[in-house]
Amino acid sequence: MTCISRRRSFLRLHPQGNLLTPAGSANNYYVEVTLAGAVDPATGMFLNIRDIDGLIDDAWLSVAKDLDLKPQIEAATTGIAEGLFHRLRGQSEERGVALKKLRLFESPDFWVDVWP
């Protein structure tokens, strides 16, 4: 079993303003995903990096859509990380690989780790 990790960045806009930011605000999030699988001797990998990026991007778009459509969903970093983890776990298992860890950074000094 081999593990690989991939990092992606996403921008999340918050259109609702407040007294300090009347036009709204934005967060730059970084997500690190660690996957495990058996290496295919023919290809030398268990999942193509473009496929990994696609999995992460699809999960992010799905979570962002849920946050936009259902504001009652927990929009804190912990809630976003949990949502990403559950979506990625299902998608990765469909491809025969295991999601070992997800780390979501809201800033360089604040992140959330989610394990199975």
C-alpha atoms as a PDB file:
ATOM      1  CA  MET A   1       0.000   0.000   0.000  1.00  0.00           C
ATOM      2  CA  THR A   2       1.375   3.401  -1.017  1.00  0.00           C
ATOM      3  CA  CYS A   3       0.220   6.849   0.140  1.00  0.00           C
ATOM      4  CA  ILE A   4       0.343  10.082  -1.813  1.00  0.00           C
ATOM      5  CA  SER A   5      -0.727  13.585  -0.821  1.00  0.00           C
ATOM      6  CA  ARG A   6      -1.977  16.422  -2.973  1.00  0.00           C
ATOM      7  CA  ARG A   7      -2.614  20.086  -2.116  1.00  0.00           C
ATOM      8  CA  ARG A   8      -5.149  22.337  -3.861  1.00  0.00           C
ATOM      9  CA  SER A   9      -6.235  25.910  -3.191  1.00  0.00           C
ATOM     10  CA  PHE A  10      -9.709  27.419  -3.377  1.00  0.00           C
ATOM     11  CA  LEU A  11     -11.233  30.837  -2.914  1.00  0.00           C
ATOM     12  CA  ARG A  12     -14.533  31.067  -1.025  1.00  0.00           C
ATOM     13  CA  LEU A  13     -16.453  34.323  -1.322  1.00  0.00           C
ATOM     14  CA  HIS A  14     -18.734  35.473   1.469  1.00  0.00           C
ATOM     15  CA  PRO A  15     -21.137  37.947  -0.152  1.00  0.00           C
ATOM     16  CA  GLN A  16     -22.844  38.828   3.129  1.00  0.00           C
ATOM     17  CA  GLY A  17     -21.221  41.953   4.477  1.00  0.00           C
ATOM     18  CA  ASN A  18     -21.104  43.347   7.980  1.00  0.00           C
ATOM     19  CA  LEU A  19     -20.048  46.625   9.556  1.00  0.00           C
ATOM     20  CA  LEU A  20     -16.359  45.926   8.978  1.00  0.00           C
ATOM     21  CA  THR A  21     -16.672  44.490   5.454  1.00  0.00           C
ATOM     22  CA  PRO A  22     -19.900  45.813   3.905  1.00  0.00           C
ATOM     23  CA  ALA A  23     -19.134  44.295   0.499  1.00  0.00           C
ATOM     24  CA  GLY A  24     -18.437  40.845   1.934  1.00  0.00           C
ATOM     25  CA  SER A  25     -15.161  38.990   2.251  1.00  0.00           C
ATOM     26  CA  ALA A  26     -13.243  35.989   0.968  1.00  0.00           C
ATOM     27  CA  ASN A  27     -11.090  33.186   2.320  1.00  0.00           C
ATOM     28  CA  ASN A  28      -8.282  31.359   0.571  1.00  0.00           C
ATOM     29  CA  TYR A  29      -8.458  27.742   1.645  1.00  0.00           C
ATOM     30  CA  TYR A  30      -5.856  25.052   1.050  1.00  0.00           C
ATOM     31  CA  VAL A  31      -6.852  21.424   1.205  1.00  0.00           C
ATOM     32  CA  GLU A  32      -4.369  18.547   1.502  1.00  0.00           C
ATOM     33  CA  VAL A  33      -5.633  15.077   0.753  1.00  0.00           C
ATOM     34  CA  THR A  34      -3.746  11.839   1.476  1.00  0.00           C
ATOM     35  CA  LEU A  35      -4.842   8.757  -0.470  1.00  0.00           C
ATOM     36  CA  ALA A  36      -3.635   5.156  -0.252  1.00  0.00           C
ATOM     37  CA  GLY A  37      -3.793   2.430  -2.841  1.00  0.00           C
ATOM     38  CA  ALA A  38      -2.015  -0.426  -4.522  1.00  0.00           C
ATOM     39  CA  VAL A  39       0.332   0.679  -7.297  1.00  0.00           C
ATOM     40  CA  ASP A  40      -0.511  -0.731 -10.716  1.00  0.00           C
ATOM     41  CA  PRO A  41       2.711  -2.269 -12.090  1.00  0.00           C
ATOM     42  CA  ALA A  42       1.722  -1.292 -15.642  1.00  0.00           C
ATOM     43  CA  THR A  43       1.327   2.427 -14.895  1.00  0.00           C
ATOM     44  CA  GLY A  44       3.492   2.867 -11.783  1.00  0.00           C
ATOM     45  CA  MET A  45       0.661   4.677  -9.971  1.00  0.00           C
ATOM     46  CA  PHE A  46      -2.673   3.940  -8.375  1.00  0.00           C
ATOM     47  CA  LEU A  47      -4.428   7.112  -9.514  1.00  0.00           C
ATOM     48  CA  ASN A  48      -3.477   9.747 -12.071  1.00  0.00           C
ATOM     49  CA  ILE A  49      -2.771  13.170 -10.543  1.00  0.00           C
ATOM     50  CA  ARG A  50      -5.354  14.792 -12.834  1.00  0.00           C
ATOM     51  CA  ASP A  51      -7.942  12.369 -11.469  1.00  0.00           C
ATOM     52  CA  ILE A  52      -6.970  13.304  -7.916  1.00  0.00           C
ATOM     53  CA  ASP A  53      -7.337  16.993  -8.761  1.00  0.00           C
ATOM     54  CA  GLY A  54     -10.745  16.253 -10.300  1.00  0.00           C
ATOM     55  CA  LEU A  55     -11.899  14.428  -7.163  1.00  0.00           C
ATOM     56  CA  ILE A  56     -10.833  17.316  -4.937  1.00  0.00           C
ATOM     57  CA  ASP A  57     -12.331  19.964  -7.237  1.00  0.00           C
ATOM     58  CA  ASP A  58     -15.661  18.116  -7.511  1.00  0.00           C
ATOM     59  CA  ALA A  59     -15.871  17.706  -3.733  1.00  0.00           C
ATOM     60  CA  TRP A  60     -15.061  21.388  -3.182  1.00  0.00           C
ATOM     61  CA  LEU A  61     -17.713  22.534  -5.683  1.00  0.00           C
ATOM     62  CA  SER A  62     -20.280  20.255  -4.068  1.00  0.00           C
ATOM     63  CA  VAL A  63     -19.570  21.585  -0.568  1.00  0.00           C
ATOM     64  CA  ALA A  64     -19.531  25.200  -1.784  1.00  0.00           C
ATOM     65  CA  LYS A  65     -22.870  24.695  -3.522  1.00  0.00           C
ATOM     66  CA  ASP A  66     -24.372  23.255  -0.322  1.00  0.00           C
ATOM     67  CA  LEU A  67     -23.100  26.240   1.670  1.00  0.00           C
ATOM     68  CA  ASP A  68     -24.584  28.668  -0.858  1.00  0.00           C
ATOM     69  CA  LEU A  69     -27.973  26.905  -1.064  1.00  0.00           C
ATOM     70  CA  LYS A  70     -28.371  25.964   2.593  1.00  0.00           C
ATOM     71  CA  PRO A  71     -26.905  28.663   4.829  1.00  0.00           C
ATOM     72  CA  GLN A  72     -27.867  26.694   7.938  1.00  0.00           C
ATOM     73  CA  ILE A  73     -25.052  24.225   7.116  1.00  0.00           C
ATOM     74  CA  GLU A  74     -22.022  24.798   9.307  1.00  0.00           C
ATOM     75  CA  ALA A  75     -19.804  27.164   7.312  1.00  0.00           C
ATOM     76  CA  ALA A  76     -16.956  27.107   9.820  1.00  0.00           C
ATOM     77  CA  THR A  77     -13.735  25.473   8.724  1.00  0.00           C
ATOM     78  CA  THR A  78     -14.574  22.329  10.699  1.00  0.00           C
ATOM     79  CA  GLY A  79     -17.900  21.915   8.892  1.00  0.00           C
ATOM     80  CA  ILE A  80     -16.323  22.511   5.489  1.00  0.00           C
ATOM     81  CA  ALA A  81     -13.572  19.966   6.252  1.00  0.00           C
ATOM     82  CA  GLU A  82     -16.111  17.335   7.346  1.00  0.00           C
ATOM     83  CA  GLY A  83     -18.170  17.902   4.197  1.00  0.00           C
ATOM     84  CA  LEU A  84     -15.112  17.583   1.972  1.00  0.00           C
ATOM     85  CA  PHE A  85     -13.954  14.456   3.762  1.00  0.00           C
ATOM     86  CA  HIS A  86     -17.267  12.636   3.398  1.00  0.00           C
ATOM     87  CA  ARG A  87     -17.587  13.483  -0.296  1.00  0.00           C
ATOM     88  CA  LEU A  88     -13.975  12.560  -1.079  1.00  0.00           C
ATOM     89  CA  ARG A  89     -14.186   9.347   0.891  1.00  0.00           C
ATOM     90  CA  GLY A  90     -17.080   8.086  -1.225  1.00  0.00           C
ATOM     91  CA  GLN A  91     -15.503   9.225  -4.498  1.00  0.00           C
ATOM     92  CA  SER A  92     -12.120   7.696  -3.721  1.00  0.00           C
ATOM     93  CA  GLU A  93     -13.617   4.362  -2.614  1.00  0.00           C
ATOM     94  CA  GLU A  94     -15.440   4.162  -5.962  1.00  0.00           C
ATOM     95  CA  ARG A  95     -11.987   4.259  -7.605  1.00  0.00           C
ATOM     96  CA  GLY A  96     -10.513   1.618  -5.313  1.00  0.00           C
ATOM     97  CA  VAL A  97      -8.362   3.930  -3.194  1.00  0.00           C
ATOM     98  CA  ALA A  98      -8.664   4.912   0.452  1.00  0.00           C
ATOM     99  CA  LEU A  99      -8.854   8.442   1.818  1.00  0.00           C
ATOM    100  CA  LYS A 100      -6.428   8.448   4.747  1.00  0.00           C
ATOM    101  CA  LYS A 101      -6.491  12.101   5.798  1.00  0.00           C
ATOM    102  CA  LEU A 102      -7.819  15.492   4.829  1.00  0.00           C
ATOM    103  CA  ARG A 103      -6.313  18.729   6.111  1.00  0.00           C
ATOM    104  CA  LEU A 104      -8.060  22.035   5.414  1.00  0.00           C
ATOM    105  CA  PHE A 105      -6.124  25.255   6.009  1.00  0.00           C
ATOM    106  CA  GLU A 106      -8.036  28.472   6.601  1.00  0.00           C
ATOM    107  CA  SER A 107      -4.778  30.319   7.272  1.00  0.00           C
ATOM    108  CA  PRO A 108      -1.112  29.366   7.732  1.00  0.00           C
ATOM    109  CA  ASP A 109      -1.641  29.018  11.481  1.00  0.00           C
ATOM    110  CA  PHE A 110      -5.134  27.441  11.554  1.00  0.00           C
ATOM    111  CA  TRP A 111      -6.206  24.123  10.044  1.00  0.00           C
ATOM    112  CA  VAL A 112      -8.520  21.188  10.620  1.00  0.00           C
ATOM    113  CA  ASP A 113      -7.533  17.523  10.216  1.00  0.00           C
ATOM    114  CA  VAL A 114     -10.091  14.816   9.470  1.00  0.00           C
ATOM    115  CA  TRP A 115      -9.268  11.092   9.564  1.00  0.00           C
ATOM    116  CA  PRO A 116     -11.498   8.055   8.940  1.00  0.00           C
END
